């Protein structure tokens, strides 16, 4: 008896990283919220850095900026979303407390 798995002709195997690039991005409401609502932009930015660090534990600091650039190049909404999240995350680092909170969230 053979164990054979039959798949449709259009079946394509993708790993988790490839799914990130094909499963869309931000819509215009998310982009506007990231730009105009500081807490949302900050939290989305810090959570995004944390998630990327967890999925790329060895090289997250060297490959992260390139991944952000590729994400922002996909659409105008992604560009505004990325800029909003980056702005609020970086600007929160200028206070000592903000830098500490960001570090605690990113390394949690």
PDB file of N, CA and C in Angstrom:
ATOM      1  N   UNK A   1       0.840  -1.175   0.000  1.00  0.00           N
ATOM      2  CA  UNK A   1       0.000   0.000   0.000  1.00  0.00           C
ATOM      3  C   UNK A   1       0.884   1.236   0.000  1.00  0.00           C
ATOM      4  N   UNK A   2       0.627   2.164  -0.915  1.00  0.00           N
ATOM      5  CA  UNK A   2       1.408   3.392  -1.008  1.00  0.00           C
ATOM      6  C   UNK A   2       0.654   4.547  -0.374  1.00  0.00           C
ATOM      7  N   UNK A   3       1.409   5.414   0.290  1.00  0.00           N
ATOM      8  CA  UNK A   3       0.826   6.638   0.841  1.00  0.00           C
ATOM      9  C   UNK A   3       1.148   7.778  -0.120  1.00  0.00           C
ATOM     10  N   UNK A   4       0.178   8.172  -0.905  1.00  0.00           N
ATOM     11  CA  UNK A   4       0.362   9.231  -1.900  1.00  0.00           C
ATOM     12  C   UNK A   4      -0.634  10.345  -1.609  1.00  0.00           C
ATOM     13  N   UNK A   5      -0.123  11.544  -1.571  1.00  0.00           N
ATOM     14  CA  UNK A   5      -1.002  12.689  -1.380  1.00  0.00           C
ATOM     15  C   UNK A   5      -1.213  13.360  -2.733  1.00  0.00           C
ATOM     16  N   UNK A   6      -2.468  13.477  -3.134  1.00  0.00           N
ATOM     17  CA  UNK A   6      -2.803  14.112  -4.402  1.00  0.00           C
ATOM     18  C   UNK A   6      -3.192  15.561  -4.134  1.00  0.00           C
ATOM     19  N   UNK A   7      -2.525  16.489  -4.815  1.00  0.00           N
ATOM     20  CA  UNK A   7      -2.808  17.904  -4.666  1.00  0.00           C
ATOM     21  C   UNK A   7      -3.340  18.471  -5.974  1.00  0.00           C
ATOM     22  N   UNK A   8      -4.101  19.561  -5.906  1.00  0.00           N
ATOM     23  CA  UNK A   8      -4.579  20.177  -7.146  1.00  0.00           C
ATOM     24  C   UNK A   8      -3.409  20.668  -7.998  1.00  0.00           C
ATOM     25  N   UNK A   9      -3.638  20.798  -9.294  1.00  0.00           N
ATOM     26  CA  UNK A   9      -2.578  21.231 -10.204  1.00  0.00           C
ATOM     27  C   UNK A   9      -2.090  22.636  -9.887  1.00  0.00           C
ATOM     28  N   UNK A  10      -2.935  23.466  -9.303  1.00  0.00           N
ATOM     29  CA  UNK A  10      -2.555  24.850  -9.018  1.00  0.00           C
ATOM     30  C   UNK A  10      -1.970  25.020  -7.613  1.00  0.00           C
ATOM     31  N   UNK A  11      -1.683  23.934  -6.936  1.00  0.00           N
ATOM     32  CA  UNK A  11      -1.162  23.988  -5.571  1.00  0.00           C
ATOM     33  C   UNK A  11       0.263  24.521  -5.563  1.00  0.00           C
ATOM     34  N   UNK A  12       0.553  25.402  -4.618  1.00  0.00           N
ATOM     35  CA  UNK A  12       1.889  25.992  -4.511  1.00  0.00           C
ATOM     36  C   UNK A  12       2.303  25.986  -3.046  1.00  0.00           C
ATOM     37  N   UNK A  13       3.469  25.491  -2.759  1.00  0.00           N
ATOM     38  CA  UNK A  13       3.970  25.440  -1.395  1.00  0.00           C
ATOM     39  C   UNK A  13       4.713  26.736  -1.103  1.00  0.00           C
ATOM     40  N   UNK A  14       4.353  27.387   0.020  1.00  0.00           N
ATOM     41  CA  UNK A  14       5.008  28.633   0.429  1.00  0.00           C
ATOM     42  C   UNK A  14       5.354  28.535   1.905  1.00  0.00           C
ATOM     43  N   UNK A  15       6.502  29.085   2.251  1.00  0.00           N
ATOM     44  CA  UNK A  15       6.838  29.109   3.673  1.00  0.00           C
ATOM     45  C   UNK A  15       6.206  30.342   4.314  1.00  0.00           C
ATOM     46  N   UNK A  16       6.348  30.470   5.639  1.00  0.00           N
ATOM     47  CA  UNK A  16       5.692  31.552   6.378  1.00  0.00           C
ATOM     48  C   UNK A  16       6.183  32.931   5.934  1.00  0.00           C
ATOM     49  N   UNK A  17       7.459  33.056   5.639  1.00  0.00           N
ATOM     50  CA  UNK A  17       8.002  34.352   5.222  1.00  0.00           C
ATOM     51  C   UNK A  17       7.416  34.786   3.879  1.00  0.00           C
ATOM     52  N   UNK A  18       7.241  33.851   2.967  1.00  0.00           N
ATOM     53  CA  UNK A  18       6.648  34.185   1.676  1.00  0.00           C
ATOM     54  C   UNK A  18       5.183  34.600   1.830  1.00  0.00           C
ATOM     55  N   UNK A  19       4.483  33.992   2.777  1.00  0.00           N
ATOM     56  CA  UNK A  19       3.091  34.366   3.011  1.00  0.00           C
ATOM     57  C   UNK A  19       2.990  35.809   3.491  1.00  0.00           C
ATOM     58  N   UNK A  20       3.979  36.279   4.235  1.00  0.00           N
ATOM     59  CA  UNK A  20       3.982  37.664   4.696  1.00  0.00           C
ATOM     60  C   UNK A  20       3.958  38.616   3.514  1.00  0.00           C
ATOM     61  N   UNK A  21       4.667  38.271   2.465  1.00  0.00           N
ATOM     62  CA  UNK A  21       4.749  39.156   1.313  1.00  0.00           C
ATOM     63  C   UNK A  21       3.545  39.053   0.387  1.00  0.00           C
ATOM     64  N   UNK A  22       2.740  38.023   0.499  1.00  0.00           N
ATOM     65  CA  UNK A  22       1.598  37.861  -0.402  1.00  0.00           C
ATOM     66  C   UNK A  22       0.256  38.136   0.259  1.00  0.00           C
ATOM     67  N   UNK A  23       0.223  38.284   1.553  1.00  0.00           N
ATOM     68  CA  UNK A  23      -1.064  38.420   2.232  1.00  0.00           C
ATOM     69  C   UNK A  23      -1.444  39.874   2.489  1.00  0.00           C
ATOM     70  N   UNK A  24      -1.173  40.744   1.559  1.00  0.00           N
ATOM     71  CA  UNK A  24      -1.653  42.115   1.639  1.00  0.00           C
ATOM     72  C   UNK A  24      -0.848  42.994   2.562  1.00  0.00           C
ATOM     73  N   UNK A  25      -1.462  44.042   2.999  1.00  0.00           N
ATOM     74  CA  UNK A  25      -0.798  45.016   3.853  1.00  0.00           C
ATOM     75  C   UNK A  25      -1.841  45.874   4.525  1.00  0.00           C
ATOM     76  N   UNK A  26      -1.503  47.127   4.742  1.00  0.00           N
ATOM     77  CA  UNK A  26      -2.386  48.049   5.436  1.00  0.00           C
ATOM     78  C   UNK A  26      -3.431  48.607   4.480  1.00  0.00           C
ATOM     79  N   UNK A  27      -4.616  48.868   5.025  1.00  0.00           N
ATOM     80  CA  UNK A  27      -5.608  49.587   4.241  1.00  0.00           C
ATOM     81  C   UNK A  27      -5.518  51.069   4.598  1.00  0.00           C
ATOM     82  N   UNK A  28      -6.295  51.899   3.959  1.00  0.00           N
ATOM     83  CA  UNK A  28      -6.170  53.340   4.137  1.00  0.00           C
ATOM     84  C   UNK A  28      -6.568  53.771   5.555  1.00  0.00           C
ATOM     85  N   UNK A  29      -7.497  53.073   6.186  1.00  0.00           N
ATOM     86  CA  UNK A  29      -7.898  53.410   7.551  1.00  0.00           C
ATOM     87  C   UNK A  29      -6.760  53.107   8.529  1.00  0.00           C
ATOM     88  N   UNK A  30      -6.114  51.959   8.366  1.00  0.00           N
ATOM     89  CA  UNK A  30      -4.968  51.632   9.215  1.00  0.00           C
ATOM     90  C   UNK A  30      -3.837  52.629   9.001  1.00  0.00           C
ATOM     91  N   UNK A  31      -3.620  53.027   7.759  1.00  0.00           N
ATOM     92  CA  UNK A  31      -2.560  53.990   7.459  1.00  0.00           C
ATOM     93  C   UNK A  31      -2.852  55.332   8.118  1.00  0.00           C
ATOM     94  N   UNK A  32      -4.087  55.807   8.022  1.00  0.00           N
ATOM     95  CA  UNK A  32      -4.453  57.072   8.646  1.00  0.00           C
ATOM     96  C   UNK A  32      -4.353  56.988  10.162  1.00  0.00           C
ATOM     97  N   UNK A  33      -4.774  55.876  10.731  1.00  0.00           N
ATOM     98  CA  UNK A  33      -4.681  55.705  12.182  1.00  0.00           C
ATOM     99  C   UNK A  33      -3.225  55.691  12.637  1.00  0.00           C
ATOM    100  N   UNK A  34      -2.351  55.053  11.884  1.00  0.00           N
ATOM    101  CA  UNK A  34      -0.933  54.997  12.259  1.00  0.00           C
ATOM    102  C   UNK A  34      -0.288  56.373  12.200  1.00  0.00           C
ATOM    103  N   UNK A  35      -0.745  57.216  11.299  1.00  0.00           N
ATOM    104  CA  UNK A  35      -0.170  58.554  11.167  1.00  0.00           C
ATOM    105  C   UNK A  35      -0.765  59.517  12.193  1.00  0.00           C
ATOM    106  N   UNK A  36      -2.079  59.490  12.396  1.00  0.00           N
ATOM    107  CA  UNK A  36      -2.748  60.520  13.197  1.00  0.00           C
ATOM    108  C   UNK A  36      -3.088  60.126  14.629  1.00  0.00           C
ATOM    109  N   UNK A  37      -3.006  58.866  14.978  1.00  0.00           N
ATOM    110  CA  UNK A  37      -3.282  58.426  16.358  1.00  0.00           C
ATOM    111  C   UNK A  37      -1.974  57.904  16.944  1.00  0.00           C
ATOM    112  N   UNK A  38      -1.341  58.714  17.797  1.00  0.00           N
ATOM    113  CA  UNK A  38      -0.003  58.354  18.290  1.00  0.00           C
ATOM    114  C   UNK A  38       0.079  56.988  18.959  1.00  0.00           C
ATOM    115  N   UNK A  39      -0.870  56.644  19.827  1.00  0.00           N
ATOM    116  CA  UNK A  39      -0.772  55.368  20.524  1.00  0.00           C
ATOM    117  C   UNK A  39      -0.863  54.199  19.560  1.00  0.00           C
ATOM    118  N   UNK A  40      -1.779  54.296  18.583  1.00  0.00           N
ATOM    119  CA  UNK A  40      -1.918  53.215  17.607  1.00  0.00           C
ATOM    120  C   UNK A  40      -0.645  53.058  16.780  1.00  0.00           C
ATOM    121  N   UNK A  41      -0.109  54.166  16.286  1.00  0.00           N
ATOM    122  CA  UNK A  41       1.116  54.103  15.492  1.00  0.00           C
ATOM    123  C   UNK A  41       2.284  53.548  16.289  1.00  0.00           C
ATOM    124  N   UNK A  42       2.386  53.993  17.549  1.00  0.00           N
ATOM    125  CA  UNK A  42       3.479  53.502  18.405  1.00  0.00           C
ATOM    126  C   UNK A  42       3.329  52.010  18.660  1.00  0.00           C
ATOM    127  N   UNK A  43       2.131  51.590  19.064  1.00  0.00           N
ATOM    128  CA  UNK A  43       1.939  50.179  19.410  1.00  0.00           C
ATOM    129  C   UNK A  43       2.129  49.275  18.196  1.00  0.00           C
ATOM    130  N   UNK A  44       1.592  49.691  17.052  1.00  0.00           N
ATOM    131  CA  UNK A  44       1.760  48.878  15.841  1.00  0.00           C
ATOM    132  C   UNK A  44       3.232  48.792  15.451  1.00  0.00           C
ATOM    133  N   UNK A  45       3.963  49.889  15.601  1.00  0.00           N
ATOM    134  CA  UNK A  45       5.383  49.887  15.261  1.00  0.00           C
ATOM    135  C   UNK A  45       6.214  49.002  16.182  1.00  0.00           C
ATOM    136  N   UNK A  46       5.982  49.141  17.482  1.00  0.00           N
ATOM    137  CA  UNK A  46       6.746  48.346  18.449  1.00  0.00           C
ATOM    138  C   UNK A  46       6.384  46.866  18.334  1.00  0.00           C
ATOM    139  N   UNK A  47       5.106  46.571  18.133  1.00  0.00           N
ATOM    140  CA  UNK A  47       4.693  45.173  17.979  1.00  0.00           C
ATOM    141  C   UNK A  47       5.268  44.583  16.689  1.00  0.00           C
ATOM    142  N   UNK A  48       5.338  45.386  15.637  1.00  0.00           N
ATOM    143  CA  UNK A  48       5.937  44.917  14.387  1.00  0.00           C
ATOM    144  C   UNK A  48       7.414  44.596  14.545  1.00  0.00           C
ATOM    145  N   UNK A  49       8.138  45.453  15.268  1.00  0.00           N
ATOM    146  CA  UNK A  49       9.564  45.186  15.518  1.00  0.00           C
ATOM    147  C   UNK A  49       9.713  43.920  16.358  1.00  0.00           C
ATOM    148  N   UNK A  50       8.867  43.775  17.384  1.00  0.00           N
ATOM    149  CA  UNK A  50       8.936  42.575  18.237  1.00  0.00           C
ATOM    150  C   UNK A  50       8.677  41.308  17.433  1.00  0.00           C
ATOM    151  N   UNK A  51       7.650  41.332  16.595  1.00  0.00           N
ATOM    152  CA  UNK A  51       7.326  40.150  15.802  1.00  0.00           C
ATOM    153  C   UNK A  51       8.440  39.821  14.809  1.00  0.00           C
ATOM    154  N   UNK A  52       9.028  40.853  14.207  1.00  0.00           N
ATOM    155  CA  UNK A  52      10.125  40.612  13.262  1.00  0.00           C
ATOM    156  C   UNK A  52      11.351  40.073  13.993  1.00  0.00           C
ATOM    157  N   UNK A  53      11.618  40.590  15.192  1.00  0.00           N
ATOM    158  CA  UNK A  53      12.760  40.101  15.974  1.00  0.00           C
ATOM    159  C   UNK A  53      12.576  38.628  16.334  1.00  0.00           C
ATOM    160  N   UNK A  54      11.349  38.254  16.671  1.00  0.00           N
ATOM    161  CA  UNK A  54      11.096  36.856  17.027  1.00  0.00           C
ATOM    162  C   UNK A  54      11.218  35.927  15.822  1.00  0.00           C
ATOM    163  N   UNK A  55      10.845  36.392  14.636  1.00  0.00           N
ATOM    164  CA  UNK A  55      10.931  35.532  13.459  1.00  0.00           C
ATOM    165  C   UNK A  55      12.324  35.528  12.829  1.00  0.00           C
ATOM    166  N   UNK A  56      13.157  36.495  13.162  1.00  0.00           N
ATOM    167  CA  UNK A  56      14.539  36.573  12.650  1.00  0.00           C
ATOM    168  C   UNK A  56      15.495  36.847  13.820  1.00  0.00           C
ATOM    169  N   UNK A  57      15.664  35.888  14.730  1.00  0.00           N
ATOM    170  CA  UNK A  57      16.408  36.164  15.966  1.00  0.00           C
ATOM    171  C   UNK A  57      17.894  36.472  15.767  1.00  0.00           C
ATOM    172  N   UNK A  58      18.514  36.004  14.722  1.00  0.00           N
ATOM    173  CA  UNK A  58      19.952  36.185  14.571  1.00  0.00           C
ATOM    174  C   UNK A  58      20.331  37.446  13.794  1.00  0.00           C
ATOM    175  N   UNK A  59      19.466  37.890  12.883  1.00  0.00           N
ATOM    176  CA  UNK A  59      19.856  39.006  12.014  1.00  0.00           C
ATOM    177  C   UNK A  59      18.792  40.096  11.908  1.00  0.00           C
ATOM    178  N   UNK A  60      17.964  40.259  12.926  1.00  0.00           N
ATOM    179  CA  UNK A  60      16.853  41.197  12.841  1.00  0.00           C
ATOM    180  C   UNK A  60      17.303  42.648  12.728  1.00  0.00           C
ATOM    181  N   UNK A  61      18.445  42.997  13.294  1.00  0.00           N
ATOM    182  CA  UNK A  61      18.897  44.390  13.216  1.00  0.00           C
ATOM    183  C   UNK A  61      19.463  44.735  11.842  1.00  0.00           C
ATOM    184  N   UNK A  62      20.016  43.756  11.144  1.00  0.00           N
ATOM    185  CA  UNK A  62      20.601  44.052   9.830  1.00  0.00           C
ATOM    186  C   UNK A  62      19.602  43.889   8.689  1.00  0.00           C
ATOM    187  N   UNK A  63      18.615  43.022   8.833  1.00  0.00           N
ATOM    188  CA  UNK A  63      17.653  42.804   7.754  1.00  0.00           C
ATOM    189  C   UNK A  63      16.335  43.545   7.961  1.00  0.00           C
ATOM    190  N   UNK A  64      16.089  44.051   9.154  1.00  0.00           N
ATOM    191  CA  UNK A  64      14.835  44.736   9.454  1.00  0.00           C
ATOM    192  C   UNK A  64      14.562  45.967   8.603  1.00  0.00           C
ATOM    193  N   UNK A  65      15.535  46.878   8.463  1.00  0.00           N
ATOM    194  CA  UNK A  65      15.265  48.059   7.627  1.00  0.00           C
ATOM    195  C   UNK A  65      14.940  47.708   6.171  1.00  0.00           C
ATOM    196  N   UNK A  66      15.589  46.699   5.626  1.00  0.00           N
ATOM    197  CA  UNK A  66      15.290  46.283   4.254  1.00  0.00           C
ATOM    198  C   UNK A  66      13.881  45.696   4.149  1.00  0.00           C
ATOM    199  N   UNK A  67      13.481  44.921   5.165  1.00  0.00           N
ATOM    200  CA  UNK A  67      12.134  44.350   5.169  1.00  0.00           C
ATOM    201  C   UNK A  67      11.086  45.458   5.265  1.00  0.00           C
ATOM    202  N   UNK A  68      11.350  46.475   6.074  1.00  0.00           N
ATOM    203  CA  UNK A  68      10.427  47.603   6.175  1.00  0.00           C
ATOM    204  C   UNK A  68      10.332  48.344   4.844  1.00  0.00           C
ATOM    205  N   UNK A  69      11.443  48.532   4.181  1.00  0.00           N
ATOM    206  CA  UNK A  69      11.449  49.206   2.883  1.00  0.00           C
ATOM    207  C   UNK A  69      10.665  48.412   1.845  1.00  0.00           C
ATOM    208  N   UNK A  70      10.850  47.092   1.815  1.00  0.00           N
ATOM    209  CA  UNK A  70      10.092  46.255   0.868  1.00  0.00           C
ATOM    210  C   UNK A  70       8.596  46.337   1.151  1.00  0.00           C
ATOM    211  N   UNK A  71       8.230  46.346   2.438  1.00  0.00           N
ATOM    212  CA  UNK A  71       6.819  46.449   2.821  1.00  0.00           C
ATOM    213  C   UNK A  71       6.239  47.784   2.370  1.00  0.00           C
ATOM    214  N   UNK A  72       6.975  48.853   2.572  1.00  0.00           N
ATOM    215  CA  UNK A  72       6.480  50.182   2.229  1.00  0.00           C
ATOM    216  C   UNK A  72       6.426  50.411   0.725  1.00  0.00           C
ATOM    217  N   UNK A  73       7.208  49.672  -0.040  1.00  0.00           N
ATOM    218  CA  UNK A  73       7.206  49.811  -1.496  1.00  0.00           C
ATOM    219  C   UNK A  73       5.988  49.173  -2.166  1.00  0.00           C
ATOM    220  N   UNK A  74       5.225  48.366  -1.431  1.00  0.00           N
ATOM    221  CA  UNK A  74       4.095  47.649  -2.025  1.00  0.00           C
ATOM    222  C   UNK A  74       2.939  48.555  -2.422  1.00  0.00           C
ATOM    223  N   UNK A  75       2.624  49.551  -1.595  1.00  0.00           N
ATOM    224  CA  UNK A  75       1.488  50.420  -1.896  1.00  0.00           C
ATOM    225  C   UNK A  75       1.620  51.733  -1.143  1.00  0.00           C
ATOM    226  N   UNK A  76       0.795  52.688  -1.519  1.00  0.00           N
ATOM    227  CA  UNK A  76       0.800  53.990  -0.844  1.00  0.00           C
ATOM    228  C   UNK A  76       0.320  53.834   0.596  1.00  0.00           C
ATOM    229  N   UNK A  77      -0.706  53.009   0.810  1.00  0.00           N
ATOM    230  CA  UNK A  77      -1.218  52.792   2.163  1.00  0.00           C
ATOM    231  C   UNK A  77      -0.141  52.166   3.045  1.00  0.00           C
ATOM    232  N   UNK A  78       0.602  51.197   2.519  1.00  0.00           N
ATOM    233  CA  UNK A  78       1.688  50.597   3.288  1.00  0.00           C
ATOM    234  C   UNK A  78       2.769  51.620   3.598  1.00  0.00           C
ATOM    235  N   UNK A  79       3.032  52.525   2.659  1.00  0.00           N
ATOM    236  CA  UNK A  79       4.056  53.544   2.884  1.00  0.00           C
ATOM    237  C   UNK A  79       3.648  54.471   4.026  1.00  0.00           C
ATOM    238  N   UNK A  80       2.400  54.943   4.018  1.00  0.00           N
ATOM    239  CA  UNK A  80       1.950  55.815   5.100  1.00  0.00           C
ATOM    240  C   UNK A  80       1.889  55.076   6.431  1.00  0.00           C
ATOM    241  N   UNK A  81       1.454  53.824   6.392  1.00  0.00           N
ATOM    242  CA  UNK A  81       1.406  53.012   7.613  1.00  0.00           C
ATOM    243  C   UNK A  81       2.806  52.828   8.184  1.00  0.00           C
ATOM    244  N   UNK A  82       3.750  52.474   7.339  1.00  0.00           N
ATOM    245  CA  UNK A  82       5.129  52.293   7.789  1.00  0.00           C
ATOM    246  C   UNK A  82       5.748  53.571   8.302  1.00  0.00           C
ATOM    247  N   UNK A  83       5.485  54.685   7.610  1.00  0.00           N
ATOM    248  CA  UNK A  83       6.019  55.971   8.063  1.00  0.00           C
ATOM    249  C   UNK A  83       5.418  56.396   9.398  1.00  0.00           C
ATOM    250  N   UNK A  84       4.112  56.203   9.552  1.00  0.00           N
ATOM    251  CA  UNK A  84       3.464  56.550  10.823  1.00  0.00           C
ATOM    252  C   UNK A  84       3.993  55.721  11.983  1.00  0.00           C
ATOM    253  N   UNK A  85       4.073  54.417  11.770  1.00  0.00           N
ATOM    254  CA  UNK A  85       4.581  53.533  12.834  1.00  0.00           C
ATOM    255  C   UNK A  85       6.033  53.850  13.162  1.00  0.00           C
ATOM    256  N   UNK A  86       6.831  54.087  12.140  1.00  0.00           N
ATOM    257  CA  UNK A  86       8.241  54.409  12.367  1.00  0.00           C
ATOM    258  C   UNK A  86       8.380  55.724  13.112  1.00  0.00           C
ATOM    259  N   UNK A  87       7.625  56.733  12.708  1.00  0.00           N
ATOM    260  CA  UNK A  87       7.710  58.040  13.353  1.00  0.00           C
ATOM    261  C   UNK A  87       7.370  57.952  14.832  1.00  0.00           C
ATOM    262  N   UNK A  88       6.222  57.337  15.163  1.00  0.00           N
ATOM    263  CA  UNK A  88       5.801  57.293  16.566  1.00  0.00           C
ATOM    264  C   UNK A  88       6.694  56.390  17.402  1.00  0.00           C
ATOM    265  N   UNK A  89       7.218  55.322  16.828  1.00  0.00           N
ATOM    266  CA  UNK A  89       8.111  54.443  17.577  1.00  0.00           C
ATOM    267  C   UNK A  89       9.440  55.131  17.844  1.00  0.00           C
ATOM    268  N   UNK A  90      10.025  55.747  16.828  1.00  0.00           N
ATOM    269  CA  UNK A  90      11.320  56.418  17.000  1.00  0.00           C
ATOM    270  C   UNK A  90      11.185  57.632  17.906  1.00  0.00           C
ATOM    271  N   UNK A  91      10.121  58.417  17.720  1.00  0.00           N
ATOM    272  CA  UNK A  91       9.974  59.616  18.552  1.00  0.00           C
ATOM    273  C   UNK A  91       9.747  59.267  20.010  1.00  0.00           C
ATOM    274  N   UNK A  92       9.141  58.132  20.292  1.00  0.00           N
ATOM    275  CA  UNK A  92       8.962  57.735  21.688  1.00  0.00           C
ATOM    276  C   UNK A  92      10.285  57.330  22.331  1.00  0.00           C
ATOM    277  N   UNK A  93      11.283  57.001  21.525  1.00  0.00           N
ATOM    278  CA  UNK A  93      12.585  56.615  22.066  1.00  0.00           C
ATOM    279  C   UNK A  93      13.378  57.806  22.596  1.00  0.00           C
ATOM    280  N   UNK A  94      12.967  59.033  22.239  1.00  0.00           N
ATOM    281  CA  UNK A  94      13.718  60.207  22.675  1.00  0.00           C
ATOM    282  C   UNK A  94      13.527  60.524  24.149  1.00  0.00           C
ATOM    283  N   UNK A  95      12.545  59.912  24.786  1.00  0.00           N
ATOM    284  CA  UNK A  95      12.397  60.058  26.228  1.00  0.00           C
ATOM    285  C   UNK A  95      12.988  58.800  26.862  1.00  0.00           C
ATOM    286  N   UNK A  96      13.560  58.941  28.019  1.00  0.00           N
ATOM    287  CA  UNK A  96      14.163  57.783  28.689  1.00  0.00           C
ATOM    288  C   UNK A  96      13.135  56.712  29.005  1.00  0.00           C
ATOM    289  N   UNK A  97      11.963  57.146  29.456  1.00  0.00           N
ATOM    290  CA  UNK A  97      10.911  56.194  29.800  1.00  0.00           C
ATOM    291  C   UNK A  97      10.423  55.479  28.541  1.00  0.00           C
ATOM    292  N   UNK A  98      10.238  56.231  27.447  1.00  0.00           N
ATOM    293  CA  UNK A  98       9.783  55.628  26.200  1.00  0.00           C
ATOM    294  C   UNK A  98      10.761  54.605  25.661  1.00  0.00           C
ATOM    295  N   UNK A  99      12.032  54.914  25.748  1.00  0.00           N
ATOM    296  CA  UNK A  99      13.057  53.972  25.290  1.00  0.00           C
ATOM    297  C   UNK A  99      13.011  52.690  26.115  1.00  0.00           C
ATOM    298  N   UNK A 100      12.828  52.831  27.414  1.00  0.00           N
ATOM    299  CA  UNK A 100      12.750  51.656  28.287  1.00  0.00           C
ATOM    300  C   UNK A 100      11.508  50.826  27.977  1.00  0.00           C
ATOM    301  N   UNK A 101      10.368  51.489  27.795  1.00  0.00           N
ATOM    302  CA  UNK A 101       9.130  50.762  27.494  1.00  0.00           C
ATOM    303  C   UNK A 101       9.248  50.060  26.147  1.00  0.00           C
ATOM    304  N   UNK A 102       9.806  50.754  25.147  1.00  0.00           N
ATOM    305  CA  UNK A 102       9.982  50.131  23.832  1.00  0.00           C
ATOM    306  C   UNK A 102      10.870  48.897  23.928  1.00  0.00           C
ATOM    307  N   UNK A 103      11.970  48.994  24.675  1.00  0.00           N
ATOM    308  CA  UNK A 103      12.873  47.857  24.840  1.00  0.00           C
ATOM    309  C   UNK A 103      12.165  46.697  25.531  1.00  0.00           C
ATOM    310  N   UNK A 104      11.363  46.997  26.545  1.00  0.00           N
ATOM    311  CA  UNK A 104      10.645  45.934  27.247  1.00  0.00           C
ATOM    312  C   UNK A 104       9.649  45.232  26.333  1.00  0.00           C
ATOM    313  N   UNK A 105       8.959  45.980  25.481  1.00  0.00           N
ATOM    314  CA  UNK A 105       7.997  45.361  24.570  1.00  0.00           C
ATOM    315  C   UNK A 105       8.713  44.569  23.484  1.00  0.00           C
ATOM    316  N   UNK A 106       9.750  45.147  22.899  1.00  0.00           N
ATOM    317  CA  UNK A 106      10.462  44.479  21.802  1.00  0.00           C
ATOM    318  C   UNK A 106      11.145  43.196  22.272  1.00  0.00           C
ATOM    319  N   UNK A 107      11.708  43.198  23.455  1.00  0.00           N
ATOM    320  CA  UNK A 107      12.441  42.023  23.925  1.00  0.00           C
ATOM    321  C   UNK A 107      11.587  41.107  24.805  1.00  0.00           C
ATOM    322  N   UNK A 108      10.269  41.318  24.817  1.00  0.00           N
ATOM    323  CA  UNK A 108       9.404  40.440  25.624  1.00  0.00           C
ATOM    324  C   UNK A 108       9.071  39.174  24.868  1.00  0.00           C
TER     325      UNK A 108
END
